[in-house]
Amino acid sequence: MSNRYQVVWAAAAQNDLKQIIDYIAIGSPGNALHILQKIKQKTSDLYAMPERGRIVPELKAQGIHIYRELIIAPWRVIYRISDTTVFVLSVIDSRRNVEDILLDRFSK
């Protein structure tokens, strides 16, 4: 019998996703909806196998190993596993300076 995890979105991750979708919707509302559905589906799949995401390389290099990520190009969904809960913490556009964003958010 496999473990099941609850997937919980942090307020910061919800805000990240909202900003991304709002920006895309300016030029293409249909595409924005498609991307929203894709990101939500991929993250909801974490309930079964949250360890499938890799450890975030930029944080790993700093000795921080508790954060994982899913790549849903060009976005990186950053999350942390705690007991039976997966906390989605950030959705970051990988075309930005990801290392600075991550270190600022997660090294505190």
N, C-alpha and C. Protein backbone atom coordinates (compact mmCIF):
# COMPACT_ATOMS: atom_id res chain seq x y z
N MET A 1 0.84 -1.18 0.00
CA MET A 1 0.00 0.00 0.00
C MET A 1 0.88 1.24 0.00
N SER A 2 0.65 2.16 -0.90
CA SER A 2 1.50 3.34 -1.01
C SER A 2 0.95 4.48 -0.16
N ASN A 3 1.87 5.34 0.25
CA ASN A 3 1.47 6.53 1.02
C ASN A 3 0.80 7.54 0.10
N ARG A 4 -0.13 8.26 0.67
CA ARG A 4 -0.78 9.35 -0.06
C ARG A 4 -0.46 10.64 0.69
N TYR A 5 -0.15 11.65 -0.04
CA TYR A 5 0.21 12.94 0.52
C TYR A 5 -0.87 13.97 0.20
N GLN A 6 -1.01 14.93 1.06
CA GLN A 6 -1.88 16.06 0.80
C GLN A 6 -1.01 17.14 0.14
N VAL A 7 -1.51 17.77 -0.92
CA VAL A 7 -0.78 18.84 -1.60
C VAL A 7 -1.42 20.16 -1.19
N VAL A 8 -0.61 21.03 -0.57
CA VAL A 8 -1.08 22.32 -0.06
C VAL A 8 -0.27 23.43 -0.71
N TRP A 9 -0.97 24.42 -1.23
CA TRP A 9 -0.32 25.58 -1.85
C TRP A 9 -0.13 26.69 -0.84
N ALA A 10 1.10 27.16 -0.68
CA ALA A 10 1.38 28.32 0.17
C ALA A 10 0.86 29.58 -0.53
N ALA A 11 0.58 30.60 0.25
CA ALA A 11 0.08 31.86 -0.31
C ALA A 11 1.05 32.44 -1.34
N ALA A 12 2.34 32.35 -1.08
CA ALA A 12 3.34 32.89 -2.02
C ALA A 12 3.28 32.16 -3.36
N ALA A 13 3.09 30.85 -3.33
CA ALA A 13 3.00 30.07 -4.57
C ALA A 13 1.71 30.40 -5.32
N GLN A 14 0.62 30.56 -4.59
CA GLN A 14 -0.64 30.96 -5.22
C GLN A 14 -0.49 32.32 -5.90
N ASN A 15 0.20 33.23 -5.22
CA ASN A 15 0.44 34.56 -5.80
C ASN A 15 1.33 34.48 -7.03
N ASP A 16 2.38 33.66 -6.96
CA ASP A 16 3.26 33.47 -8.13
C ASP A 16 2.44 32.99 -9.32
N LEU A 17 1.62 31.97 -9.10
CA LEU A 17 0.82 31.40 -10.18
C LEU A 17 -0.17 32.42 -10.73
N LYS A 18 -0.80 33.17 -9.85
CA LYS A 18 -1.76 34.19 -10.29
C LYS A 18 -1.08 35.23 -11.17
N GLN A 19 0.09 35.68 -10.78
CA GLN A 19 0.82 36.66 -11.58
C GLN A 19 1.19 36.11 -12.94
N ILE A 20 1.62 34.87 -12.99
CA ILE A 20 1.98 34.24 -14.27
C ILE A 20 0.75 34.15 -15.17
N ILE A 21 -0.35 33.64 -14.63
CA ILE A 21 -1.56 33.45 -15.43
C ILE A 21 -2.14 34.79 -15.86
N ASP A 22 -2.16 35.76 -14.97
CA ASP A 22 -2.66 37.10 -15.33
C ASP A 22 -1.85 37.70 -16.48
N TYR A 23 -0.53 37.53 -16.42
CA TYR A 23 0.33 38.08 -17.47
C TYR A 23 0.06 37.39 -18.82
N ILE A 24 -0.04 36.08 -18.80
CA ILE A 24 -0.30 35.34 -20.04
C ILE A 24 -1.68 35.66 -20.59
N ALA A 25 -2.65 35.84 -19.70
CA ALA A 25 -4.03 36.10 -20.11
C ALA A 25 -4.19 37.42 -20.85
N ILE A 26 -3.29 38.35 -20.64
CA ILE A 26 -3.35 39.63 -21.36
C ILE A 26 -3.30 39.39 -22.86
N GLY A 27 -2.45 38.49 -23.28
CA GLY A 27 -2.30 38.23 -24.71
C GLY A 27 -3.05 37.01 -25.21
N SER A 28 -3.34 36.07 -24.30
CA SER A 28 -3.96 34.83 -24.74
C SER A 28 -4.71 34.16 -23.58
N PRO A 29 -5.97 34.54 -23.36
CA PRO A 29 -6.74 33.96 -22.27
C PRO A 29 -6.85 32.43 -22.35
N GLY A 30 -7.01 31.90 -23.55
CA GLY A 30 -7.11 30.45 -23.71
C GLY A 30 -5.83 29.74 -23.31
N ASN A 31 -4.71 30.30 -23.71
CA ASN A 31 -3.42 29.72 -23.35
C ASN A 31 -3.20 29.81 -21.84
N ALA A 32 -3.62 30.90 -21.24
CA ALA A 32 -3.48 31.07 -19.78
C ALA A 32 -4.24 29.97 -19.05
N LEU A 33 -5.44 29.69 -19.48
CA LEU A 33 -6.24 28.64 -18.86
C LEU A 33 -5.58 27.27 -19.03
N HIS A 34 -5.05 27.01 -20.21
CA HIS A 34 -4.36 25.74 -20.48
C HIS A 34 -3.15 25.59 -19.56
N ILE A 35 -2.37 26.64 -19.40
CA ILE A 35 -1.18 26.59 -18.56
C ILE A 35 -1.57 26.41 -17.09
N LEU A 36 -2.60 27.10 -16.65
CA LEU A 36 -3.08 26.95 -15.28
C LEU A 36 -3.48 25.49 -15.01
N GLN A 37 -4.24 24.92 -15.92
CA GLN A 37 -4.67 23.53 -15.76
C GLN A 37 -3.47 22.57 -15.74
N LYS A 38 -2.50 22.82 -16.60
CA LYS A 38 -1.32 21.97 -16.68
C LYS A 38 -0.52 22.01 -15.38
N ILE A 39 -0.29 23.20 -14.86
CA ILE A 39 0.48 23.35 -13.62
C ILE A 39 -0.27 22.72 -12.45
N LYS A 40 -1.56 22.98 -12.36
CA LYS A 40 -2.37 22.43 -11.26
C LYS A 40 -2.39 20.90 -11.32
N GLN A 41 -2.52 20.33 -12.53
CA GLN A 41 -2.55 18.88 -12.67
C GLN A 41 -1.22 18.26 -12.26
N LYS A 42 -0.14 18.81 -12.77
CA LYS A 42 1.18 18.25 -12.45
C LYS A 42 1.47 18.32 -10.96
N THR A 43 1.09 19.41 -10.31
CA THR A 43 1.34 19.52 -8.87
C THR A 43 0.41 18.63 -8.07
N SER A 44 -0.82 18.46 -8.52
CA SER A 44 -1.73 17.58 -7.78
C SER A 44 -1.26 16.13 -7.85
N ASP A 45 -0.52 15.78 -8.89
CA ASP A 45 0.03 14.42 -9.01
C ASP A 45 1.08 14.12 -7.94
N LEU A 46 1.56 15.15 -7.24
CA LEU A 46 2.55 14.93 -6.18
C LEU A 46 1.99 14.14 -5.01
N TYR A 47 0.67 14.00 -4.93
CA TYR A 47 0.07 13.27 -3.81
C TYR A 47 0.56 11.82 -3.76
N ALA A 48 0.95 11.28 -4.90
CA ALA A 48 1.35 9.87 -4.95
C ALA A 48 2.86 9.66 -4.85
N MET A 49 3.64 10.53 -5.49
CA MET A 49 5.10 10.33 -5.54
C MET A 49 5.83 11.67 -5.43
N PRO A 50 5.83 12.30 -4.28
CA PRO A 50 6.46 13.62 -4.19
C PRO A 50 7.98 13.60 -4.34
N GLU A 51 8.60 12.45 -4.10
CA GLU A 51 10.07 12.39 -4.22
C GLU A 51 10.54 12.39 -5.67
N ARG A 52 9.61 12.34 -6.62
CA ARG A 52 10.03 12.27 -8.03
C ARG A 52 10.70 13.56 -8.50
N GLY A 53 10.41 14.68 -7.86
CA GLY A 53 11.07 15.93 -8.23
C GLY A 53 12.51 15.95 -7.74
N ARG A 54 13.34 16.63 -8.47
CA ARG A 54 14.75 16.69 -8.07
C ARG A 54 14.95 17.72 -6.96
N ILE A 55 16.04 17.57 -6.22
CA ILE A 55 16.42 18.59 -5.24
C ILE A 55 16.85 19.81 -6.04
N VAL A 56 16.43 20.99 -5.59
CA VAL A 56 16.72 22.24 -6.31
C VAL A 56 18.23 22.45 -6.36
N PRO A 57 18.84 22.43 -7.55
CA PRO A 57 20.31 22.48 -7.66
C PRO A 57 20.93 23.73 -7.03
N GLU A 58 20.31 24.89 -7.22
CA GLU A 58 20.89 26.13 -6.68
C GLU A 58 20.93 26.11 -5.15
N LEU A 59 19.93 25.49 -4.55
CA LEU A 59 19.90 25.40 -3.09
C LEU A 59 20.80 24.28 -2.59
N LYS A 60 20.84 23.19 -3.34
CA LYS A 60 21.72 22.07 -2.98
C LYS A 60 23.17 22.54 -2.91
N ALA A 61 23.56 23.41 -3.84
CA ALA A 61 24.92 23.94 -3.85
C ALA A 61 25.21 24.77 -2.60
N GLN A 62 24.16 25.27 -1.96
CA GLN A 62 24.30 26.06 -0.73
C GLN A 62 24.12 25.19 0.52
N GLY A 63 24.00 23.86 0.33
CA GLY A 63 23.84 22.95 1.44
C GLY A 63 22.40 22.80 1.92
N ILE A 64 21.44 23.26 1.11
CA ILE A 64 20.02 23.18 1.46
C ILE A 64 19.40 22.07 0.63
N HIS A 65 18.95 21.00 1.30
CA HIS A 65 18.50 19.80 0.58
C HIS A 65 17.02 19.48 0.77
N ILE A 66 16.27 20.33 1.43
CA ILE A 66 14.88 19.99 1.75
C ILE A 66 13.87 20.42 0.70
N TYR A 67 14.33 21.13 -0.32
CA TYR A 67 13.40 21.62 -1.34
C TYR A 67 13.58 20.85 -2.64
N ARG A 68 12.46 20.53 -3.25
CA ARG A 68 12.44 19.81 -4.52
C ARG A 68 11.72 20.66 -5.56
N GLU A 69 11.82 20.23 -6.80
CA GLU A 69 11.14 20.99 -7.85
C GLU A 69 10.65 20.08 -8.95
N LEU A 70 9.56 20.54 -9.56
CA LEU A 70 9.05 19.97 -10.80
C LEU A 70 9.32 21.00 -11.87
N ILE A 71 9.76 20.55 -13.01
CA ILE A 71 9.95 21.44 -14.14
C ILE A 71 8.71 21.30 -15.03
N ILE A 72 8.02 22.40 -15.20
CA ILE A 72 6.90 22.50 -16.14
C ILE A 72 7.27 23.68 -17.02
N ALA A 73 8.13 23.40 -17.98
CA ALA A 73 8.82 24.43 -18.75
C ALA A 73 7.87 25.52 -19.24
N PRO A 74 8.30 26.78 -19.09
CA PRO A 74 9.56 27.27 -18.54
C PRO A 74 9.51 27.54 -17.03
N TRP A 75 8.54 26.96 -16.33
CA TRP A 75 8.40 27.25 -14.90
C TRP A 75 8.97 26.14 -14.06
N ARG A 76 9.37 26.53 -12.87
CA ARG A 76 9.87 25.60 -11.87
C ARG A 76 8.96 25.71 -10.65
N VAL A 77 8.37 24.61 -10.27
CA VAL A 77 7.49 24.56 -9.12
C VAL A 77 8.30 24.00 -7.95
N ILE A 78 8.52 24.84 -6.95
CA ILE A 78 9.35 24.47 -5.81
C ILE A 78 8.44 24.00 -4.67
N TYR A 79 8.82 22.89 -4.05
CA TYR A 79 8.00 22.36 -2.97
C TYR A 79 8.87 21.69 -1.91
N ARG A 80 8.22 21.42 -0.78
CA ARG A 80 8.87 20.76 0.36
C ARG A 80 7.93 19.68 0.87
N ILE A 81 8.50 18.55 1.26
CA ILE A 81 7.72 17.45 1.80
C ILE A 81 7.88 17.46 3.32
N SER A 82 6.76 17.41 4.03
CA SER A 82 6.79 17.36 5.48
C SER A 82 5.76 16.32 5.94
N ASP A 83 6.24 15.24 6.50
CA ASP A 83 5.37 14.13 6.91
C ASP A 83 4.53 13.67 5.72
N THR A 84 3.23 13.85 5.78
CA THR A 84 2.35 13.41 4.68
C THR A 84 1.78 14.59 3.91
N THR A 85 2.47 15.73 3.97
CA THR A 85 2.01 16.92 3.26
C THR A 85 3.11 17.41 2.32
N VAL A 86 2.71 17.79 1.12
CA VAL A 86 3.60 18.42 0.16
C VAL A 86 3.19 19.89 0.11
N PHE A 87 4.11 20.77 0.47
CA PHE A 87 3.84 22.20 0.45
C PHE A 87 4.43 22.80 -0.82
N VAL A 88 3.56 23.28 -1.71
CA VAL A 88 4.01 23.98 -2.92
C VAL A 88 4.33 25.40 -2.48
N LEU A 89 5.60 25.81 -2.67
CA LEU A 89 6.07 27.06 -2.10
C LEU A 89 6.26 28.19 -3.10
N SER A 90 6.61 27.86 -4.33
CA SER A 90 6.87 28.89 -5.34
C SER A 90 6.67 28.33 -6.73
N VAL A 91 6.29 29.22 -7.63
CA VAL A 91 6.27 28.92 -9.06
C VAL A 91 7.08 30.03 -9.70
N ILE A 92 8.23 29.66 -10.25
CA ILE A 92 9.19 30.64 -10.73
C ILE A 92 9.46 30.43 -12.21
N ASP A 93 9.50 31.52 -12.94
CA ASP A 93 9.87 31.46 -14.35
C ASP A 93 11.37 31.23 -14.42
N SER A 94 11.77 30.13 -15.02
CA SER A 94 13.19 29.77 -15.06
C SER A 94 14.03 30.70 -15.92
N ARG A 95 13.39 31.59 -16.65
CA ARG A 95 14.14 32.56 -17.47
C ARG A 95 14.61 33.73 -16.63
N ARG A 96 14.13 33.81 -15.39
CA ARG A 96 14.60 34.85 -14.46
C ARG A 96 15.81 34.34 -13.69
N ASN A 97 16.42 35.20 -12.88
CA ASN A 97 17.56 34.77 -12.08
C ASN A 97 17.03 33.94 -10.91
N VAL A 98 16.90 32.68 -11.14
CA VAL A 98 16.26 31.77 -10.20
C VAL A 98 17.05 31.65 -8.90
N GLU A 99 18.36 31.60 -9.00
CA GLU A 99 19.18 31.42 -7.80
C GLU A 99 18.94 32.53 -6.78
N ASP A 100 18.93 33.77 -7.23
CA ASP A 100 18.70 34.89 -6.30
C ASP A 100 17.31 34.81 -5.68
N ILE A 101 16.31 34.47 -6.48
CA ILE A 101 14.93 34.37 -5.96
C ILE A 101 14.85 33.27 -4.91
N LEU A 102 15.41 32.12 -5.21
CA LEU A 102 15.32 30.99 -4.29
C LEU A 102 16.09 31.25 -3.00
N LEU A 103 17.28 31.75 -3.12
CA LEU A 103 18.07 32.00 -1.91
C LEU A 103 17.41 33.05 -1.03
N ASP A 104 16.80 34.05 -1.64
CA ASP A 104 16.10 35.07 -0.88
C ASP A 104 14.89 34.47 -0.14
N ARG A 105 14.14 33.63 -0.83
CA ARG A 105 12.92 33.06 -0.24
C ARG A 105 13.17 31.95 0.77
N PHE A 106 14.16 31.08 0.50
CA PHE A 106 14.28 29.86 1.27
C PHE A 106 15.47 29.77 2.21
N SER A 107 16.33 30.76 2.23
CA SER A 107 17.50 30.66 3.11
C SER A 107 17.28 31.39 4.42
N LYS A 108 16.08 31.90 4.63
CA LYS A 108 15.80 32.64 5.86
C LYS A 108 15.35 31.73 6.97
